[in-house]
Every structure is written in structure tokens, then in C-alpha cells.
Amino acid sequence: MALAEPETADRPSTQSHATERHGGKTPAGGAVTIRDLSKSYTINGRPFPVLDRVSHHVEAGEVLSIVGASGSGKTTLLRVIAGLETADQGAVLIDGTRVAGVGTDRAVVFQEPRLLPWLTVLDNIAFPLENRGATKAEARQRARHYVDLVGLADFADALPAQLSGGMAQRVGIARALAVKPEILLLDEPFGALDAMTKITLQEELSRIWREENVTMILVTHDLEEAVFLADRVLILPREKGESTREIVVDLPRPRSRSEPRFVKLREQLLNAFGLH
């Protein structure tokens, strides 16, 4: 049976907004369409539904934050988009092509940076490039650009054990960006960091997104982070069978957390979870 196009008439298109926020550059690709996606796990011989007929669309160059209660399927949805897991029903399409596994058009940043402890910062970033056919010199040259991009030029020759948690996560982001993905997928990348480091890296990630012209999908449990980074916030339901909800974050960048409209949107998210 043919799958219907996702409904878009009731939500404003963010394509022009994404173009404006990337310095006038139109993203070449990276639109993500989620169609009627369902996923269950089997626990003690019984199916346990995690995602139930989720549909959504992300414009190329847009930032989408995904939030929801524990067990709502946030990370599972991200992993299906990444091609790391297969849905039971429905599909994910990248620029109209169905996802059938991992691909070079997507890169994932996990909560733990998962750096190779015996390699320097520079070589950790260069390593996946060499695996994709770049010469060692080419890989290191590109890696150096991304070391500079995330502000670690003075630590290019450091080993992971010599880095703080925030610095290590910057390396993970640089490594993901160095392979030139159209879509950057982030699974609670700052969840294990202290509050001040988290705020600093949120600001850095917003700057990097504007410079890199990439689609970004972020799973987070931090509602303020969701508003600070996203063009739209997708709220996954607590109960299966309920519909997803969306909040449009129509705020200029860079954003101020104390600006009245920012505070109002944060409160709107809190209300959605019955927390305010």
C-alpha cells in the first residue's frame, strides 16, 4: 500500500528560515520524512510498544529537538533514523529515499563520545576519514579544520584521558562533522556534563550548526536546551496511541534565555509535561 505524504499544511515551512540562518546558503539535502513509524521490543516473550505510528517531517537545514518522558521512544526514533535499528512498520526517508541502514549522509553523536584512547584528538577525528578512503595527509588536514571549528586547536595532540568531559564531547562532534554528513543526529550529547559546560556547548553547537549548513536532530531531556537549539520541538506522547505534539520556536539567533518569548516557550513545554 502506498504511504501518504505527511501533512504539512497546518505547520509553517521552515525552509526559508533555515536558509536565512545558514547565512543565505540553501542546504543541498538532508530533509527527513518519518512516515507512520512503529517499533516494539519483546520483553519476557511479550511485545512492548515503544513507537506507535509516529509521523513527522524535518526540512533540510532545520534543527528539530525530540523530547518526551522516559520510555517514550526518543532514542529509538533517533536510532531508526540513523539506520541502527529497523522499524516494525512505516519508513524513514532521506530526501525521498527510504532508509535501509546506516549511510554516509548521517552521523551520530552519542552521550558518551566513545573516543579511541590511544589516538590523539586530531587522529580520532581523522580516523573515520581514512576508513572512507582519504589518505593520511588528507584526513589530518580536514581533521585540523574541525579541531579549529570546535575550539580545540591547542589540544590537537592531546590524548582523550587528558581532556575534560566537555572537551571530549567537542571531539565527538568534530569527528561526526568531519565526514560531511547532511544530517547530524545527537542523542543527549550534553546529558552527562555539568550545567556551565552544558550551556557553553549548547552555544557552540548553535554556532557550528549555522556555519556547517547541516540538518540537526537532537534528542534531549533538557527542555530549555530544546528551545535554545531548535526550530521546532517534537513531543513524543507518554501513552501509546496518543498523537505527537509540536512547538514551533520562531526566535532569532543567537538566542537569549531571559528573553520573554524564550521564557514563554520554555513554560509552554513545561506545561506540556505537567511540570509548571
Foldseek 3Di string as FASTA:
>chain_A
DDFDADDDPPDDDCQVVLCVLLVNDRFPWFKKWWFQFWAWDADPNRTHTQAGGATDIDGQSFEEEEAEDPSNCLVVVLCVLQQVDPTPDTFMDTVRHTDNHHDLQEFEQEQQLPFDQVAFLLCSLLVVVVVVPDDSVVSSVLSCVLCVLLPNNVRRGPGPVPDDRLNSLSSSVSSRCSSPHQEYEYEQNCVVDDDVSSVVVLLSVQVVSSNSSHYYYYYHHDLLSRLQRGQKYWYRYPDHPDYIDMDGNPDDPPDDCPPVVSVVSSVVVCVVVPND
